[in-house]
Amino acid sequence: MEHAPFPPDLIELQAEWQLTYAVLAVPHPVHITALRRRLQTLSGRLLFHPYWSGPGRTPAARVELRRQARAVGWRP
């Protein structure tokens, strides 16, 4: 089953999440508490984004969202 195209703001949110996670994952990151809070905030925004309330939203769509976010060049 195909998924509806992802809205640009959802791709951007996922990309920001991935970047924040990558920064937090380095040895001895600076501002750990702020990064963790940012990751929690982004996680909530991703989870409750209106896109996911539509019909047919599958776990595979979340995998594809992560792939597309990486493809647009949002890397640390």
PDB file of N, CA and C in Angstrom:
ATOM      1  N   MET A   1       0.849  -1.187   0.000  1.00  0.00           N
ATOM      2  CA  MET A   1       0.000   0.000   0.000  1.00  0.00           C
ATOM      3  C   MET A   1       0.888   1.243   0.000  1.00  0.00           C
ATOM      4  N   GLU A   2       0.553   2.158  -0.857  1.00  0.00           N
ATOM      5  CA  GLU A   2       1.312   3.397  -0.922  1.00  0.00           C
ATOM      6  C   GLU A   2       0.803   4.366   0.130  1.00  0.00           C
ATOM      7  N   HIS A   3       1.691   5.244   0.561  1.00  0.00           N
ATOM      8  CA  HIS A   3       1.296   6.246   1.546  1.00  0.00           C
ATOM      9  C   HIS A   3       1.109   7.589   0.849  1.00  0.00           C
ATOM     10  N   ALA A   4       0.349   8.440   1.492  1.00  0.00           N
ATOM     11  CA  ALA A   4       0.180   9.793   0.972  1.00  0.00           C
ATOM     12  C   ALA A   4       1.519  10.509   1.047  1.00  0.00           C
ATOM     13  N   PRO A   5       1.773  11.434   0.140  1.00  0.00           N
ATOM     14  CA  PRO A   5       3.037  12.178   0.203  1.00  0.00           C
ATOM     15  C   PRO A   5       3.184  12.878   1.558  1.00  0.00           C
ATOM     16  N   PHE A   6       4.403  12.892   2.038  1.00  0.00           N
ATOM     17  CA  PHE A   6       4.646  13.546   3.319  1.00  0.00           C
ATOM     18  C   PHE A   6       4.636  15.061   3.153  1.00  0.00           C
ATOM     19  N   PRO A   7       4.003  15.773   4.071  1.00  0.00           N
ATOM     20  CA  PRO A   7       4.059  17.232   4.012  1.00  0.00           C
ATOM     21  C   PRO A   7       5.485  17.702   4.338  1.00  0.00           C
ATOM     22  N   PRO A   8       5.911  18.786   3.729  1.00  0.00           N
ATOM     23  CA  PRO A   8       7.280  19.282   3.958  1.00  0.00           C
ATOM     24  C   PRO A   8       7.604  19.523   5.435  1.00  0.00           C
ATOM     25  N   ASP A   9       6.626  19.998   6.213  1.00  0.00           N
ATOM     26  CA  ASP A   9       6.922  20.264   7.616  1.00  0.00           C
ATOM     27  C   ASP A   9       7.194  18.972   8.393  1.00  0.00           C
ATOM     28  N   LEU A  10       6.577  17.864   7.980  1.00  0.00           N
ATOM     29  CA  LEU A  10       6.826  16.586   8.638  1.00  0.00           C
ATOM     30  C   LEU A  10       8.225  16.069   8.297  1.00  0.00           C
ATOM     31  N   ILE A  11       8.628  16.220   7.058  1.00  0.00           N
ATOM     32  CA  ILE A  11       9.981  15.821   6.660  1.00  0.00           C
ATOM     33  C   ILE A  11      11.009  16.661   7.423  1.00  0.00           C
ATOM     34  N   GLU A  12      10.754  17.951   7.540  1.00  0.00           N
ATOM     35  CA  GLU A  12      11.663  18.827   8.276  1.00  0.00           C
ATOM     36  C   GLU A  12      11.737  18.438   9.758  1.00  0.00           C
ATOM     37  N   LEU A  13      10.606  18.130  10.353  1.00  0.00           N
ATOM     38  CA  LEU A  13      10.592  17.688  11.753  1.00  0.00           C
ATOM     39  C   LEU A  13      11.437  16.426  11.934  1.00  0.00           C
ATOM     40  N   GLN A  14      11.249  15.466  11.033  1.00  0.00           N
ATOM     41  CA  GLN A  14      12.015  14.220  11.123  1.00  0.00           C
ATOM     42  C   GLN A  14      13.498  14.494  10.943  1.00  0.00           C
ATOM     43  N   ALA A  15      13.838  15.369  10.017  1.00  0.00           N
ATOM     44  CA  ALA A  15      15.243  15.712   9.794  1.00  0.00           C
ATOM     45  C   ALA A  15      15.846  16.389  11.026  1.00  0.00           C
ATOM     46  N   GLU A  16      15.096  17.275  11.643  1.00  0.00           N
ATOM     47  CA  GLU A  16      15.576  17.929  12.868  1.00  0.00           C
ATOM     48  C   GLU A  16      15.773  16.907  13.983  1.00  0.00           C
ATOM     49  N   TRP A  17      14.858  15.950  14.081  1.00  0.00           N
ATOM     50  CA  TRP A  17      14.977  14.895  15.086  1.00  0.00           C
ATOM     51  C   TRP A  17      16.262  14.101  14.862  1.00  0.00           C
ATOM     52  N   GLN A  18      16.488  13.697  13.600  1.00  0.00           N
ATOM     53  CA  GLN A  18      17.678  12.912  13.268  1.00  0.00           C
ATOM     54  C   GLN A  18      18.960  13.690  13.555  1.00  0.00           C
ATOM     55  N   LEU A  19      18.980  14.954  13.238  1.00  0.00           N
ATOM     56  CA  LEU A  19      20.149  15.779  13.504  1.00  0.00           C
ATOM     57  C   LEU A  19      20.385  15.913  15.008  1.00  0.00           C
ATOM     58  N   THR A  20      19.331  16.178  15.760  1.00  0.00           N
ATOM     59  CA  THR A  20      19.454  16.307  17.213  1.00  0.00           C
ATOM     60  C   THR A  20      19.948  15.004  17.821  1.00  0.00           C
ATOM     61  N   TYR A  21      19.411  13.884  17.368  1.00  0.00           N
ATOM     62  CA  TYR A  21      19.829  12.585  17.871  1.00  0.00           C
ATOM     63  C   TYR A  21      21.301  12.339  17.577  1.00  0.00           C
ATOM     64  N   ALA A  22      21.725  12.680  16.372  1.00  0.00           N
ATOM     65  CA  ALA A  22      23.126  12.481  15.988  1.00  0.00           C
ATOM     66  C   ALA A  22      24.062  13.331  16.844  1.00  0.00           C
ATOM     67  N   VAL A  23      23.685  14.566  17.112  1.00  0.00           N
ATOM     68  CA  VAL A  23      24.502  15.442  17.952  1.00  0.00           C
ATOM     69  C   VAL A  23      24.573  14.890  19.374  1.00  0.00           C
ATOM     70  N   LEU A  24      23.468  14.392  19.871  1.00  0.00           N
ATOM     71  CA  LEU A  24      23.424  13.829  21.218  1.00  0.00           C
ATOM     72  C   LEU A  24      24.223  12.530  21.317  1.00  0.00           C
ATOM     73  N   ALA A  25      24.351  11.813  20.216  1.00  0.00           N
ATOM     74  CA  ALA A  25      25.019  10.512  20.214  1.00  0.00           C
ATOM     75  C   ALA A  25      26.545  10.589  20.190  1.00  0.00           C
ATOM     76  N   VAL A  26      27.108  11.750  19.908  1.00  0.00           N
ATOM     77  CA  VAL A  26      28.574  11.847  19.890  1.00  0.00           C
ATOM     78  C   VAL A  26      29.118  11.722  21.307  1.00  0.00           C
ATOM     79  N   PRO A  27      30.348  11.250  21.450  1.00  0.00           N
ATOM     80  CA  PRO A  27      30.923  11.173  22.795  1.00  0.00           C
ATOM     81  C   PRO A  27      31.032  12.554  23.438  1.00  0.00           C
ATOM     82  N   HIS A  28      30.596  12.659  24.649  1.00  0.00           N
ATOM     83  CA  HIS A  28      30.692  13.885  25.454  1.00  0.00           C
ATOM     84  C   HIS A  28      30.038  15.101  24.775  1.00  0.00           C
ATOM     85  N   PRO A  29      28.754  14.989  24.439  1.00  0.00           N
ATOM     86  CA  PRO A  29      28.089  16.141  23.804  1.00  0.00           C
ATOM     87  C   PRO A  29      27.958  17.304  24.792  1.00  0.00           C
ATOM     88  N   VAL A  30      27.890  18.480  24.249  1.00  0.00           N
ATOM     89  CA  VAL A  30      27.700  19.688  25.043  1.00  0.00           C
ATOM     90  C   VAL A  30      26.196  19.948  25.126  1.00  0.00           C
ATOM     91  N   HIS A  31      25.748  20.480  26.243  1.00  0.00           N
ATOM     92  CA  HIS A  31      24.331  20.832  26.431  1.00  0.00           C
ATOM     93  C   HIS A  31      23.420  19.607  26.355  1.00  0.00           C
ATOM     94  N   ILE A  32      23.795  18.544  27.060  1.00  0.00           N
ATOM     95  CA  ILE A  32      23.047  17.289  27.013  1.00  0.00           C
ATOM     96  C   ILE A  32      21.582  17.491  27.390  1.00  0.00           C
ATOM     97  N   THR A  33      21.315  18.218  28.459  1.00  0.00           N
ATOM     98  CA  THR A  33      19.933  18.404  28.906  1.00  0.00           C
ATOM     99  C   THR A  33      19.101  19.114  27.847  1.00  0.00           C
ATOM    100  N   ALA A  34      19.640  20.149  27.259  1.00  0.00           N
ATOM    101  CA  ALA A  34      18.915  20.888  26.214  1.00  0.00           C
ATOM    102  C   ALA A  34      18.664  19.998  24.993  1.00  0.00           C
ATOM    103  N   LEU A  35      19.647  19.187  24.636  1.00  0.00           N
ATOM    104  CA  LEU A  35      19.472  18.285  23.491  1.00  0.00           C
ATOM    105  C   LEU A  35      18.402  17.228  23.780  1.00  0.00           C
ATOM    106  N   ARG A  36      18.405  16.683  24.990  1.00  0.00           N
ATOM    107  CA  ARG A  36      17.381  15.694  25.352  1.00  0.00           C
ATOM    108  C   ARG A  36      15.992  16.312  25.344  1.00  0.00           C
ATOM    109  N   ARG A  37      15.885  17.515  25.861  1.00  0.00           N
ATOM    110  CA  ARG A  37      14.580  18.199  25.836  1.00  0.00           C
ATOM    111  C   ARG A  37      14.128  18.446  24.409  1.00  0.00           C
ATOM    112  N   ARG A  38      15.057  18.866  23.564  1.00  0.00           N
ATOM    113  CA  ARG A  38      14.742  19.109  22.150  1.00  0.00           C
ATOM    114  C   ARG A  38      14.266  17.817  21.490  1.00  0.00           C
ATOM    115  N   LEU A  39      14.955  16.718  21.782  1.00  0.00           N
ATOM    116  CA  LEU A  39      14.581  15.435  21.211  1.00  0.00           C
ATOM    117  C   LEU A  39      13.186  15.016  21.678  1.00  0.00           C
ATOM    118  N   GLN A  40      12.874  15.235  22.941  1.00  0.00           N
ATOM    119  CA  GLN A  40      11.540  14.916  23.457  1.00  0.00           C
ATOM    120  C   GLN A  40      10.462  15.772  22.788  1.00  0.00           C
ATOM    121  N   THR A  41      10.740  17.049  22.644  1.00  0.00           N
ATOM    122  CA  THR A  41       9.790  17.953  21.993  1.00  0.00           C
ATOM    123  C   THR A  41       9.542  17.530  20.546  1.00  0.00           C
ATOM    124  N   LEU A  42      10.619  17.268  19.829  1.00  0.00           N
ATOM    125  CA  LEU A  42      10.484  16.852  18.440  1.00  0.00           C
ATOM    126  C   LEU A  42       9.758  15.512  18.334  1.00  0.00           C
ATOM    127  N   SER A  43      10.046  14.597  19.261  1.00  0.00           N
ATOM    128  CA  SER A  43       9.374  13.289  19.253  1.00  0.00           C
ATOM    129  C   SER A  43       7.866  13.456  19.397  1.00  0.00           C
ATOM    130  N   GLY A  44       7.446  14.305  20.306  1.00  0.00           N
ATOM    131  CA  GLY A  44       6.021  14.558  20.487  1.00  0.00           C
ATOM    132  C   GLY A  44       5.390  15.180  19.266  1.00  0.00           C
ATOM    133  N   ARG A  45       6.078  16.141  18.672  1.00  0.00           N
ATOM    134  CA  ARG A  45       5.542  16.789  17.471  1.00  0.00           C
ATOM    135  C   ARG A  45       5.432  15.799  16.314  1.00  0.00           C
ATOM    136  N   LEU A  46       6.409  14.896  16.200  1.00  0.00           N
ATOM    137  CA  LEU A  46       6.355  13.866  15.155  1.00  0.00           C
ATOM    138  C   LEU A  46       5.205  12.896  15.403  1.00  0.00           C
ATOM    139  N   LEU A  47       5.098  12.430  16.624  1.00  0.00           N
ATOM    140  CA  LEU A  47       4.084  11.435  16.971  1.00  0.00           C
ATOM    141  C   LEU A  47       2.668  11.952  16.754  1.00  0.00           C
ATOM    142  N   PHE A  48       2.435  13.211  17.104  1.00  0.00           N
ATOM    143  CA  PHE A  48       1.083  13.758  17.029  1.00  0.00           C
ATOM    144  C   PHE A  48       0.854  14.660  15.816  1.00  0.00           C
ATOM    145  N   HIS A  49       1.713  14.567  14.816  1.00  0.00           N
ATOM    146  CA  HIS A  49       1.530  15.355  13.597  1.00  0.00           C
ATOM    147  C   HIS A  49       0.225  14.911  12.919  1.00  0.00           C
ATOM    148  N   PRO A  50      -0.557  15.847  12.407  1.00  0.00           N
ATOM    149  CA  PRO A  50      -1.844  15.514  11.776  1.00  0.00           C
ATOM    150  C   PRO A  50      -1.742  14.479  10.648  1.00  0.00           C
ATOM    151  N   TYR A  51      -0.592  14.391  10.007  1.00  0.00           N
ATOM    152  CA  TYR A  51      -0.431  13.414   8.919  1.00  0.00           C
ATOM    153  C   TYR A  51      -0.782  12.004   9.383  1.00  0.00           C
ATOM    154  N   TRP A  52      -0.389  11.655  10.596  1.00  0.00           N
ATOM    155  CA  TRP A  52      -0.567  10.286  11.088  1.00  0.00           C
ATOM    156  C   TRP A  52      -2.020   9.954  11.433  1.00  0.00           C
ATOM    157  N   SER A  53      -2.909  10.920  11.444  1.00  0.00           N
ATOM    158  CA  SER A  53      -4.315  10.640  11.749  1.00  0.00           C
ATOM    159  C   SER A  53      -5.090  10.172  10.521  1.00  0.00           C
ATOM    160  N   GLY A  54      -4.469  10.240   9.359  1.00  0.00           N
ATOM    161  CA  GLY A  54      -5.139   9.805   8.139  1.00  0.00           C
ATOM    162  C   GLY A  54      -5.208   8.297   8.031  1.00  0.00           C
ATOM    163  N   PRO A  55      -6.053   7.796   7.140  1.00  0.00           N
ATOM    164  CA  PRO A  55      -6.189   6.344   6.977  1.00  0.00           C
ATOM    165  C   PRO A  55      -4.956   5.725   6.325  1.00  0.00           C
ATOM    166  N   GLY A  56      -4.678   4.497   6.708  1.00  0.00           N
ATOM    167  CA  GLY A  56      -3.617   3.740   6.053  1.00  0.00           C
ATOM    168  C   GLY A  56      -2.200   4.124   6.432  1.00  0.00           C
ATOM    169  N   ARG A  57      -2.029   4.814   7.543  1.00  0.00           N
ATOM    170  CA  ARG A  57      -0.681   5.188   7.963  1.00  0.00           C
ATOM    171  C   ARG A  57      -0.050   3.979   8.654  1.00  0.00           C
ATOM    172  N   THR A  58       1.023   3.458   8.081  1.00  0.00           N
ATOM    173  CA  THR A  58       1.633   2.218   8.557  1.00  0.00           C
ATOM    174  C   THR A  58       3.024   2.471   9.124  1.00  0.00           C
ATOM    175  N   PRO A  59       3.549   1.501   9.870  1.00  0.00           N
ATOM    176  CA  PRO A  59       4.937   1.624  10.324  1.00  0.00           C
ATOM    177  C   PRO A  59       5.915   1.792   9.155  1.00  0.00           C
ATOM    178  N   ALA A  60       5.602   1.194   8.027  1.00  0.00           N
ATOM    179  CA  ALA A  60       6.468   1.345   6.855  1.00  0.00           C
ATOM    180  C   ALA A  60       6.548   2.802   6.412  1.00  0.00           C
ATOM    181  N   ALA A  61       5.474   3.552   6.603  1.00  0.00           N
ATOM    182  CA  ALA A  61       5.493   4.971   6.243  1.00  0.00           C
ATOM    183  C   ALA A  61       6.481   5.731   7.122  1.00  0.00           C
ATOM    184  N   ARG A  62       6.600   5.347   8.386  1.00  0.00           N
ATOM    185  CA  ARG A  62       7.560   6.005   9.282  1.00  0.00           C
ATOM    186  C   ARG A  62       8.994   5.727   8.834  1.00  0.00           C
ATOM    187  N   VAL A  63       9.233   4.510   8.368  1.00  0.00           N
ATOM    188  CA  VAL A  63      10.554   4.165   7.845  1.00  0.00           C
ATOM    189  C   VAL A  63      10.856   5.018   6.604  1.00  0.00           C
ATOM    190  N   GLU A  64       9.877   5.132   5.735  1.00  0.00           N
ATOM    191  CA  GLU A  64      10.047   5.937   4.524  1.00  0.00           C
ATOM    192  C   GLU A  64      10.262   7.402   4.868  1.00  0.00           C
ATOM    193  N   LEU A  65       9.580   7.903   5.884  1.00  0.00           N
ATOM    194  CA  LEU A  65       9.781   9.288   6.314  1.00  0.00           C
ATOM    195  C   LEU A  65      11.232   9.501   6.739  1.00  0.00           C
ATOM    196  N   ARG A  66      11.776   8.586   7.522  1.00  0.00           N
ATOM    197  CA  ARG A  66      13.177   8.711   7.953  1.00  0.00           C
ATOM    198  C   ARG A  66      14.114   8.694   6.745  1.00  0.00           C
ATOM    199  N   ARG A  67      13.826   7.818   5.786  1.00  0.00           N
ATOM    200  CA  ARG A  67      14.658   7.740   4.579  1.00  0.00           C
ATOM    201  C   ARG A  67      14.611   9.059   3.805  1.00  0.00           C
ATOM    202  N   GLN A  68      13.418   9.607   3.630  1.00  0.00           N
ATOM    203  CA  GLN A  68      13.287  10.863   2.891  1.00  0.00           C
ATOM    204  C   GLN A  68      13.965  12.017   3.628  1.00  0.00           C
ATOM    205  N   ALA A  69      13.877  12.022   4.941  1.00  0.00           N
ATOM    206  CA  ALA A  69      14.529  13.091   5.714  1.00  0.00           C
ATOM    207  C   ALA A  69      16.055  13.023   5.524  1.00  0.00           C
ATOM    208  N   ARG A  70      16.609  11.820   5.495  1.00  0.00           N
ATOM    209  CA  ARG A  70      18.051  11.683   5.240  1.00  0.00           C
ATOM    210  C   ARG A  70      18.394  12.123   3.822  1.00  0.00           C
ATOM    211  N   ALA A  71      17.517  11.815   2.879  1.00  0.00           N
ATOM    212  CA  ALA A  71      17.770  12.115   1.464  1.00  0.00           C
ATOM    213  C   ALA A  71      17.827  13.606   1.169  1.00  0.00           C
ATOM    214  N   VAL A  72      17.130  14.413   1.969  1.00  0.00           N
ATOM    215  CA  VAL A  72      17.133  15.845   1.692  1.00  0.00           C
ATOM    216  C   VAL A  72      18.381  16.528   2.244  1.00  0.00           C
ATOM    217  N   GLY A  73      19.245  15.741   2.840  1.00  0.00           N
ATOM    218  CA  GLY A  73      20.526  16.295   3.247  1.00  0.00           C
ATOM    219  C   GLY A  73      20.608  16.797   4.655  1.00  0.00           C
ATOM    220  N   TRP A  74      19.664  16.460   5.514  1.00  0.00           N
ATOM    221  CA  TRP A  74      19.692  16.889   6.907  1.00  0.00           C
ATOM    222  C   TRP A  74      20.567  15.940   7.685  1.00  0.00           C
ATOM    223  N   ARG A  75      21.850  16.196   7.664  1.00  0.00           N
ATOM    224  CA  ARG A  75      22.801  15.347   8.374  1.00  0.00           C
ATOM    225  C   ARG A  75      23.706  16.220   9.216  1.00  0.00           C
ATOM    226  N   PRO A  76      24.230  15.610  10.295  1.00  0.00           N
ATOM    227  CA  PRO A  76      25.154  16.400  11.148  1.00  0.00           C
ATOM    228  C   PRO A  76      26.447  16.717  10.417  1.00  0.00           C
TER     229      PRO A  76
END
